[in-house]
Amino acid sequence: MANNASAEKANRKSEARRLHNRYYAKTTRNAIRDLRNTKDKKAAEESAPKVFSMIDKLAKSGLIHKNKASNLKSGLQVYINKLA
């Protein structure tokens, strides 16, 4: 339990940040899942820059590590290249 005003404010801020971060992380995971489930190469190529941008923003804000972001983007690009 917060003991003073500054601790209460810190709790409010951390809760707001947690909800904000959770929203963007979940939205990005859904976009990645949708891209991986796409069977049409043209549609996948059109949505890839948007998904890559979302991944980069998560890495920039520290929600995921920059190497994980790179690995995700690489794996998605390999998947897109394999589509007929």
PDB file of N, CA and C in Angstrom:
ATOM      1  N   MET A   1       0.837  -1.181   0.000  1.00  0.00           N
ATOM      2  CA  MET A   1       0.000   0.000   0.000  1.00  0.00           C
ATOM      3  C   MET A   1       0.881   1.244   0.000  1.00  0.00           C
ATOM      4  N   ALA A   2       0.433   2.248  -0.740  1.00  0.00           N
ATOM      5  CA  ALA A   2       1.209   3.488  -0.835  1.00  0.00           C
ATOM      6  C   ALA A   2       1.189   4.224   0.499  1.00  0.00           C
ATOM      7  N   ASN A   3       2.354   4.745   0.862  1.00  0.00           N
ATOM      8  CA  ASN A   3       2.504   5.376   2.166  1.00  0.00           C
ATOM      9  C   ASN A   3       2.389   6.889   2.125  1.00  0.00           C
ATOM     10  N   ASN A   4       2.600   7.475   0.948  1.00  0.00           N
ATOM     11  CA  ASN A   4       2.517   8.927   0.846  1.00  0.00           C
ATOM     12  C   ASN A   4       2.017   9.319  -0.535  1.00  0.00           C
ATOM     13  N   ALA A   5       1.878  10.619  -0.750  1.00  0.00           N
ATOM     14  CA  ALA A   5       1.270  11.106  -1.988  1.00  0.00           C
ATOM     15  C   ALA A   5       2.105  10.734  -3.207  1.00  0.00           C
ATOM     16  N   SER A   6       3.416  10.827  -3.103  1.00  0.00           N
ATOM     17  CA  SER A   6       4.249  10.520  -4.261  1.00  0.00           C
ATOM     18  C   SER A   6       4.174   9.035  -4.608  1.00  0.00           C
ATOM     19  N   ALA A   7       4.047   8.178  -3.613  1.00  0.00           N
ATOM     20  CA  ALA A   7       3.924   6.742  -3.876  1.00  0.00           C
ATOM     21  C   ALA A   7       2.573   6.437  -4.518  1.00  0.00           C
ATOM     22  N   GLU A   8       1.536   7.128  -4.099  1.00  0.00           N
ATOM     23  CA  GLU A   8       0.217   6.933  -4.719  1.00  0.00           C
ATOM     24  C   GLU A   8       0.242   7.365  -6.178  1.00  0.00           C
ATOM     25  N   LYS A   9       0.900   8.500  -6.449  1.00  0.00           N
ATOM     26  CA  LYS A   9       1.001   8.962  -7.827  1.00  0.00           C
ATOM     27  C   LYS A   9       1.815   7.976  -8.670  1.00  0.00           C
ATOM     28  N   ALA A  10       2.896   7.459  -8.099  1.00  0.00           N
ATOM     29  CA  ALA A  10       3.700   6.480  -8.822  1.00  0.00           C
ATOM     30  C   ALA A  10       2.875   5.247  -9.159  1.00  0.00           C
ATOM     31  N   ASN A  11       2.013   4.820  -8.235  1.00  0.00           N
ATOM     32  CA  ASN A  11       1.136   3.671  -8.504  1.00  0.00           C
ATOM     33  C   ASN A  11       0.164   3.975  -9.632  1.00  0.00           C
ATOM     34  N   ARG A  12      -0.397   5.177  -9.632  1.00  0.00           N
ATOM     35  CA  ARG A  12      -1.327   5.557 -10.704  1.00  0.00           C
ATOM     36  C   ARG A  12      -0.613   5.568 -12.052  1.00  0.00           C
ATOM     37  N   LYS A  13       0.572   6.155 -12.077  1.00  0.00           N
ATOM     38  CA  LYS A  13       1.323   6.241 -13.330  1.00  0.00           C
ATOM     39  C   LYS A  13       1.726   4.856 -13.837  1.00  0.00           C
ATOM     40  N   SER A  14       2.186   4.004 -12.929  1.00  0.00           N
ATOM     41  CA  SER A  14       2.626   2.682 -13.362  1.00  0.00           C
ATOM     42  C   SER A  14       1.450   1.853 -13.870  1.00  0.00           C
ATOM     43  N   GLU A  15       0.290   2.015 -13.262  1.00  0.00           N
ATOM     44  CA  GLU A  15      -0.904   1.302 -13.735  1.00  0.00           C
ATOM     45  C   GLU A  15      -1.310   1.790 -15.124  1.00  0.00           C
ATOM     46  N   ALA A  16      -1.264   3.097 -15.335  1.00  0.00           N
ATOM     47  CA  ALA A  16      -1.603   3.654 -16.641  1.00  0.00           C
ATOM     48  C   ALA A  16      -0.619   3.159 -17.696  1.00  0.00           C
ATOM     49  N   ARG A  17       0.675   3.159 -17.367  1.00  0.00           N
ATOM     50  CA  ARG A  17       1.691   2.669 -18.305  1.00  0.00           C
ATOM     51  C   ARG A  17       1.493   1.194 -18.602  1.00  0.00           C
ATOM     52  N   ARG A  18       1.169   0.420 -17.575  1.00  0.00           N
ATOM     53  CA  ARG A  18       0.976  -1.017 -17.760  1.00  0.00           C
ATOM     54  C   ARG A  18      -0.160  -1.282 -18.739  1.00  0.00           C
ATOM     55  N   LEU A  19      -1.273  -0.564 -18.579  1.00  0.00           N
ATOM     56  CA  LEU A  19      -2.405  -0.748 -19.486  1.00  0.00           C
ATOM     57  C   LEU A  19      -2.049  -0.313 -20.907  1.00  0.00           C
ATOM     58  N   HIS A  20      -1.345   0.793 -21.024  1.00  0.00           N
ATOM     59  CA  HIS A  20      -0.926   1.288 -22.334  1.00  0.00           C
ATOM     60  C   HIS A  20      -0.013   0.271 -23.013  1.00  0.00           C
ATOM     61  N   ASN A  21       0.993  -0.215 -22.279  1.00  0.00           N
ATOM     62  CA  ASN A  21       1.931  -1.178 -22.836  1.00  0.00           C
ATOM     63  C   ASN A  21       1.243  -2.486 -23.202  1.00  0.00           C
ATOM     64  N   ARG A  22       0.318  -2.935 -22.359  1.00  0.00           N
ATOM     65  CA  ARG A  22      -0.383  -4.186 -22.617  1.00  0.00           C
ATOM     66  C   ARG A  22      -1.217  -4.085 -23.892  1.00  0.00           C
ATOM     67  N   TYR A  23      -1.863  -2.927 -24.099  1.00  0.00           N
ATOM     68  CA  TYR A  23      -2.675  -2.728 -25.296  1.00  0.00           C
ATOM     69  C   TYR A  23      -1.820  -2.835 -26.560  1.00  0.00           C
ATOM     70  N   TYR A  24      -0.701  -2.112 -26.591  1.00  0.00           N
ATOM     71  CA  TYR A  24       0.117  -2.105 -27.794  1.00  0.00           C
ATOM     72  C   TYR A  24       0.811  -3.442 -28.024  1.00  0.00           C
ATOM     73  N   ALA A  25       1.213  -4.116 -26.961  1.00  0.00           N
ATOM     74  CA  ALA A  25       1.838  -5.429 -27.119  1.00  0.00           C
ATOM     75  C   ALA A  25       0.830  -6.434 -27.667  1.00  0.00           C
ATOM     76  N   LYS A  26      -0.378  -6.427 -27.147  1.00  0.00           N
ATOM     77  CA  LYS A  26      -1.401  -7.360 -27.606  1.00  0.00           C
ATOM     78  C   LYS A  26      -1.805  -7.059 -29.046  1.00  0.00           C
ATOM     79  N   THR A  27      -1.936  -5.785 -29.385  1.00  0.00           N
ATOM     80  CA  THR A  27      -2.297  -5.398 -30.740  1.00  0.00           C
ATOM     81  C   THR A  27      -1.237  -5.874 -31.730  1.00  0.00           C
ATOM     82  N   THR A  28       0.019  -5.739 -31.350  1.00  0.00           N
ATOM     83  CA  THR A  28       1.108  -6.183 -32.221  1.00  0.00           C
ATOM     84  C   THR A  28       1.107  -7.697 -32.361  1.00  0.00           C
ATOM     85  N   ARG A  29       0.890  -8.415 -31.258  1.00  0.00           N
ATOM     86  CA  ARG A  29       0.834  -9.876 -31.343  1.00  0.00           C
ATOM     87  C   ARG A  29      -0.301 -10.330 -32.258  1.00  0.00           C
ATOM     88  N   ASN A  30      -1.443  -9.659 -32.188  1.00  0.00           N
ATOM     89  CA  ASN A  30      -2.559 -10.008 -33.062  1.00  0.00           C
ATOM     90  C   ASN A  30      -2.212  -9.746 -34.524  1.00  0.00           C
ATOM     91  N   ALA A  31      -1.527  -8.630 -34.791  1.00  0.00           N
ATOM     92  CA  ALA A  31      -1.144  -8.304 -36.163  1.00  0.00           C
ATOM     93  C   ALA A  31      -0.156  -9.333 -36.702  1.00  0.00           C
ATOM     94  N   ILE A  32       0.779  -9.772 -35.862  1.00  0.00           N
ATOM     95  CA  ILE A  32       1.739 -10.799 -36.273  1.00  0.00           C
ATOM     96  C   ILE A  32       1.014 -12.101 -36.573  1.00  0.00           C
ATOM     97  N   ARG A  33       0.076 -12.469 -35.707  1.00  0.00           N
ATOM     98  CA  ARG A  33      -0.684 -13.698 -35.915  1.00  0.00           C
ATOM     99  C   ARG A  33      -1.473 -13.626 -37.225  1.00  0.00           C
ATOM    100  N   ASP A  34      -2.109 -12.488 -37.482  1.00  0.00           N
ATOM    101  CA  ASP A  34      -2.885 -12.344 -38.716  1.00  0.00           C
ATOM    102  C   ASP A  34      -1.980 -12.437 -39.949  1.00  0.00           C
ATOM    103  N   LEU A  35      -0.797 -11.839 -39.857  1.00  0.00           N
ATOM    104  CA  LEU A  35       0.135 -11.905 -40.988  1.00  0.00           C
ATOM    105  C   LEU A  35       0.596 -13.339 -41.226  1.00  0.00           C
ATOM    106  N   ARG A  36       0.873 -14.067 -40.153  1.00  0.00           N
ATOM    107  CA  ARG A  36       1.314 -15.461 -40.298  1.00  0.00           C
ATOM    108  C   ARG A  36       0.197 -16.356 -40.848  1.00  0.00           C
ATOM    109  N   ASN A  37      -1.053 -15.985 -40.612  1.00  0.00           N
ATOM    110  CA  ASN A  37      -2.177 -16.791 -41.097  1.00  0.00           C
ATOM    111  C   ASN A  37      -2.601 -16.413 -42.505  1.00  0.00           C
ATOM    112  N   THR A  38      -1.989 -15.387 -43.072  1.00  0.00           N
ATOM    113  CA  THR A  38      -2.327 -14.957 -44.421  1.00  0.00           C
ATOM    114  C   THR A  38      -1.724 -15.920 -45.439  1.00  0.00           C
ATOM    115  N   LYS A  39      -2.533 -16.321 -46.402  1.00  0.00           N
ATOM    116  CA  LYS A  39      -2.054 -17.222 -47.448  1.00  0.00           C
ATOM    117  C   LYS A  39      -1.794 -16.481 -48.754  1.00  0.00           C
ATOM    118  N   ASP A  40      -2.243 -15.237 -48.853  1.00  0.00           N
ATOM    119  CA  ASP A  40      -2.094 -14.440 -50.061  1.00  0.00           C
ATOM    120  C   ASP A  40      -0.825 -13.590 -49.959  1.00  0.00           C
ATOM    121  N   LYS A  41       0.090 -13.786 -50.888  1.00  0.00           N
ATOM    122  CA  LYS A  41       1.383 -13.086 -50.817  1.00  0.00           C
ATOM    123  C   LYS A  41       1.207 -11.583 -50.956  1.00  0.00           C
ATOM    124  N   LYS A  42       0.336 -11.145 -51.844  1.00  0.00           N
ATOM    125  CA  LYS A  42       0.164  -9.703 -52.060  1.00  0.00           C
ATOM    126  C   LYS A  42      -0.366  -9.029 -50.799  1.00  0.00           C
ATOM    127  N   ALA A  43      -1.342  -9.651 -50.172  1.00  0.00           N
ATOM    128  CA  ALA A  43      -1.900  -9.084 -48.939  1.00  0.00           C
ATOM    129  C   ALA A  43      -0.859  -9.056 -47.827  1.00  0.00           C
ATOM    130  N   ALA A  44      -0.046 -10.105 -47.762  1.00  0.00           N
ATOM    131  CA  ALA A  44       0.998 -10.166 -46.743  1.00  0.00           C
ATOM    132  C   ALA A  44       2.040  -9.079 -46.968  1.00  0.00           C
ATOM    133  N   GLU A  45       2.422  -8.857 -48.224  1.00  0.00           N
ATOM    134  CA  GLU A  45       3.404  -7.822 -48.527  1.00  0.00           C
ATOM    135  C   GLU A  45       2.868  -6.433 -48.217  1.00  0.00           C
ATOM    136  N   GLU A  46       1.568  -6.233 -48.385  1.00  0.00           N
ATOM    137  CA  GLU A  46       0.978  -4.928 -48.100  1.00  0.00           C
ATOM    138  C   GLU A  46       0.903  -4.654 -46.598  1.00  0.00           C
ATOM    139  N   SER A  47       0.640  -5.676 -45.812  1.00  0.00           N
ATOM    140  CA  SER A  47       0.503  -5.468 -44.371  1.00  0.00           C
ATOM    141  C   SER A  47       1.839  -5.543 -43.627  1.00  0.00           C
ATOM    142  N   ALA A  48       2.875  -6.063 -44.269  1.00  0.00           N
ATOM    143  CA  ALA A  48       4.171  -6.247 -43.600  1.00  0.00           C
ATOM    144  C   ALA A  48       4.776  -4.943 -43.072  1.00  0.00           C
ATOM    145  N   PRO A  49       4.828  -3.856 -43.847  1.00  0.00           N
ATOM    146  CA  PRO A  49       5.444  -2.631 -43.305  1.00  0.00           C
ATOM    147  C   PRO A  49       4.750  -2.112 -42.047  1.00  0.00           C
ATOM    148  N   LYS A  50       3.440  -2.242 -41.999  1.00  0.00           N
ATOM    149  CA  LYS A  50       2.697  -1.794 -40.825  1.00  0.00           C
ATOM    150  C   LYS A  50       3.060  -2.641 -39.599  1.00  0.00           C
ATOM    151  N   VAL A  51       3.133  -3.954 -39.800  1.00  0.00           N
ATOM    152  CA  VAL A  51       3.470  -4.855 -38.700  1.00  0.00           C
ATOM    153  C   VAL A  51       4.917  -4.638 -38.259  1.00  0.00           C
ATOM    154  N   PHE A  52       5.820  -4.469 -39.220  1.00  0.00           N
ATOM    155  CA  PHE A  52       7.217  -4.218 -38.873  1.00  0.00           C
ATOM    156  C   PHE A  52       7.355  -2.931 -38.073  1.00  0.00           C
ATOM    157  N   SER A  53       6.595  -1.926 -38.442  1.00  0.00           N
ATOM    158  CA  SER A  53       6.622  -0.659 -37.711  1.00  0.00           C
ATOM    159  C   SER A  53       6.136  -0.846 -36.280  1.00  0.00           C
ATOM    160  N   MET A  54       5.093  -1.636 -36.107  1.00  0.00           N
ATOM    161  CA  MET A  54       4.575  -1.906 -34.758  1.00  0.00           C
ATOM    162  C   MET A  54       5.629  -2.615 -33.917  1.00  0.00           C
ATOM    163  N   ILE A  55       6.327  -3.576 -34.514  1.00  0.00           N
ATOM    164  CA  ILE A  55       7.365  -4.305 -33.797  1.00  0.00           C
ATOM    165  C   ILE A  55       8.500  -3.360 -33.404  1.00  0.00           C
ATOM    166  N   ASP A  56       8.896  -2.494 -34.328  1.00  0.00           N
ATOM    167  CA  ASP A  56       9.966  -1.535 -34.035  1.00  0.00           C
ATOM    168  C   ASP A  56       9.584  -0.598 -32.895  1.00  0.00           C
ATOM    169  N   LYS A  57       8.331  -0.182 -32.847  1.00  0.00           N
ATOM    170  CA  LYS A  57       7.884   0.708 -31.772  1.00  0.00           C
ATOM    171  C   LYS A  57       7.929   0.011 -30.416  1.00  0.00           C
ATOM    172  N   LEU A  58       7.589  -1.279 -30.395  1.00  0.00           N
ATOM    173  CA  LEU A  58       7.686  -2.023 -29.138  1.00  0.00           C
ATOM    174  C   LEU A  58       9.139  -2.115 -28.679  1.00  0.00           C
ATOM    175  N   ALA A  59      10.044  -2.344 -29.619  1.00  0.00           N
ATOM    176  CA  ALA A  59      11.459  -2.443 -29.258  1.00  0.00           C
ATOM    177  C   ALA A  59      11.992  -1.088 -28.797  1.00  0.00           C
ATOM    178  N   LYS A  60      11.565  -0.036 -29.460  1.00  0.00           N
ATOM    179  CA  LYS A  60      12.032   1.303 -29.105  1.00  0.00           C
ATOM    180  C   LYS A  60      11.600   1.686 -27.699  1.00  0.00           C
ATOM    181  N   SER A  61      10.395   1.288 -27.319  1.00  0.00           N
ATOM    182  CA  SER A  61       9.887   1.637 -25.990  1.00  0.00           C
ATOM    183  C   SER A  61      10.345   0.651 -24.920  1.00  0.00           C
ATOM    184  N   GLY A  62      11.056  -0.407 -25.320  1.00  0.00           N
ATOM    185  CA  GLY A  62      11.607  -1.340 -24.353  1.00  0.00           C
ATOM    186  C   GLY A  62      10.672  -2.470 -23.960  1.00  0.00           C
ATOM    187  N   LEU A  63       9.558  -2.616 -24.649  1.00  0.00           N
ATOM    188  CA  LEU A  63       8.637  -3.704 -24.326  1.00  0.00           C
ATOM    189  C   LEU A  63       9.177  -5.054 -24.781  1.00  0.00           C
ATOM    190  N   ILE A  64       9.912  -5.052 -25.872  1.00  0.00           N
ATOM    191  CA  ILE A  64      10.607  -6.254 -26.301  1.00  0.00           C
ATOM    192  C   ILE A  64      12.049  -5.858 -26.615  1.00  0.00           C
ATOM    193  N   HIS A  65      12.947  -6.819 -26.571  1.00  0.00           N
ATOM    194  CA  HIS A  65      14.348  -6.552 -26.845  1.00  0.00           C
ATOM    195  C   HIS A  65      14.544  -6.312 -28.332  1.00  0.00           C
ATOM    196  N   LYS A  66      15.527  -5.501 -28.675  1.00  0.00           N
ATOM    197  CA  LYS A  66      15.755  -5.178 -30.083  1.00  0.00           C
ATOM    198  C   LYS A  66      16.113  -6.417 -30.899  1.00  0.00           C
ATOM    199  N   ASN A  67      16.799  -7.389 -30.279  1.00  0.00           N
ATOM    200  CA  ASN A  67      17.121  -8.614 -31.006  1.00  0.00           C
ATOM    201  C   ASN A  67      15.879  -9.453 -31.260  1.00  0.00           C
ATOM    202  N   LYS A  68      14.960  -9.465 -30.306  1.00  0.00           N
ATOM    203  CA  LYS A  68      13.700 -10.191 -30.510  1.00  0.00           C
ATOM    204  C   LYS A  68      12.917  -9.546 -31.641  1.00  0.00           C
ATOM    205  N   ALA A  69      12.918  -8.219 -31.677  1.00  0.00           N
ATOM    206  CA  ALA A  69      12.219  -7.512 -32.756  1.00  0.00           C
ATOM    207  C   ALA A  69      12.818  -7.893 -34.101  1.00  0.00           C
ATOM    208  N   SER A  70      14.129  -7.929 -34.156  1.00  0.00           N
ATOM    209  CA  SER A  70      14.809  -8.291 -35.394  1.00  0.00           C
ATOM    210  C   SER A  70      14.472  -9.721 -35.810  1.00  0.00           C
ATOM    211  N   ASN A  71      14.466 -10.636 -34.835  1.00  0.00           N
ATOM    212  CA  ASN A  71      14.139 -12.030 -35.140  1.00  0.00           C
ATOM    213  C   ASN A  71      12.696 -12.180 -35.611  1.00  0.00           C
ATOM    214  N   LEU A  72      11.771 -11.443 -35.004  1.00  0.00           N
ATOM    215  CA  LEU A  72      10.368 -11.496 -35.428  1.00  0.00           C
ATOM    216  C   LEU A  72      10.227 -11.014 -36.871  1.00  0.00           C
ATOM    217  N   LYS A  73      10.845  -9.880 -37.168  1.00  0.00           N
ATOM    218  CA  LYS A  73      10.737  -9.321 -38.517  1.00  0.00           C
ATOM    219  C   LYS A  73      11.372 -10.249 -39.540  1.00  0.00           C
ATOM    220  N   SER A  74      12.499 -10.836 -39.193  1.00  0.00           N
ATOM    221  CA  SER A  74      13.177 -11.747 -40.103  1.00  0.00           C
ATOM    222  C   SER A  74      12.308 -12.974 -40.378  1.00  0.00           C
ATOM    223  N   GLY A  75      11.723 -13.526 -39.326  1.00  0.00           N
ATOM    224  CA  GLY A  75      10.872 -14.698 -39.502  1.00  0.00           C
ATOM    225  C   GLY A  75       9.643 -14.414 -40.337  1.00  0.00           C
ATOM    226  N   LEU A  76       9.064 -13.233 -40.136  1.00  0.00           N
ATOM    227  CA  LEU A  76       7.904 -12.855 -40.937  1.00  0.00           C
ATOM    228  C   LEU A  76       8.289 -12.673 -42.401  1.00  0.00           C
ATOM    229  N   GLN A  77       9.455 -12.070 -42.647  1.00  0.00           N
ATOM    230  CA  GLN A  77       9.886 -11.858 -44.022  1.00  0.00           C
ATOM    231  C   GLN A  77      10.169 -13.186 -44.713  1.00  0.00           C
ATOM    232  N   VAL A  78      10.741 -14.133 -43.999  1.00  0.00           N
ATOM    233  CA  VAL A  78      10.974 -15.472 -44.561  1.00  0.00           C
ATOM    234  C   VAL A  78       9.637 -16.106 -44.933  1.00  0.00           C
ATOM    235  N   TYR A  79       8.647 -15.967 -44.043  1.00  0.00           N
ATOM    236  CA  TYR A  79       7.333 -16.527 -44.327  1.00  0.00           C
ATOM    237  C   TYR A  79       6.727 -15.901 -45.580  1.00  0.00           C
ATOM    238  N   ILE A  80       6.827 -14.576 -45.680  1.00  0.00           N
ATOM    239  CA  ILE A  80       6.255 -13.875 -46.845  1.00  0.00           C
ATOM    240  C   ILE A  80       6.954 -14.318 -48.115  1.00  0.00           C
ATOM    241  N   ASN A  81       8.276 -14.455 -48.078  1.00  0.00           N
ATOM    242  CA  ASN A  81       9.028 -14.856 -49.267  1.00  0.00           C
ATOM    243  C   ASN A  81       8.675 -16.264 -49.715  1.00  0.00           C
ATOM    244  N   LYS A  82       8.267 -17.138 -48.789  1.00  0.00           N
ATOM    245  CA  LYS A  82       7.925 -18.516 -49.151  1.00  0.00           C
ATOM    246  C   LYS A  82       6.534 -18.647 -49.754  1.00  0.00           C
ATOM    247  N   LEU A  83       5.691 -17.619 -49.552  1.00  0.00           N
ATOM    248  CA  LEU A  83       4.338 -17.695 -50.108  1.00  0.00           C
ATOM    249  C   LEU A  83       4.406 -17.723 -51.626  1.00  0.00           C
ATOM    250  N   ALA A  84       3.481 -18.505 -52.226  1.00  0.00           N
ATOM    251  CA  ALA A  84       3.476 -18.619 -53.689  1.00  0.00           C
ATOM    252  C   ALA A  84       2.731 -17.452 -54.318  1.00  0.00           C
TER     253      ALA A  84
END
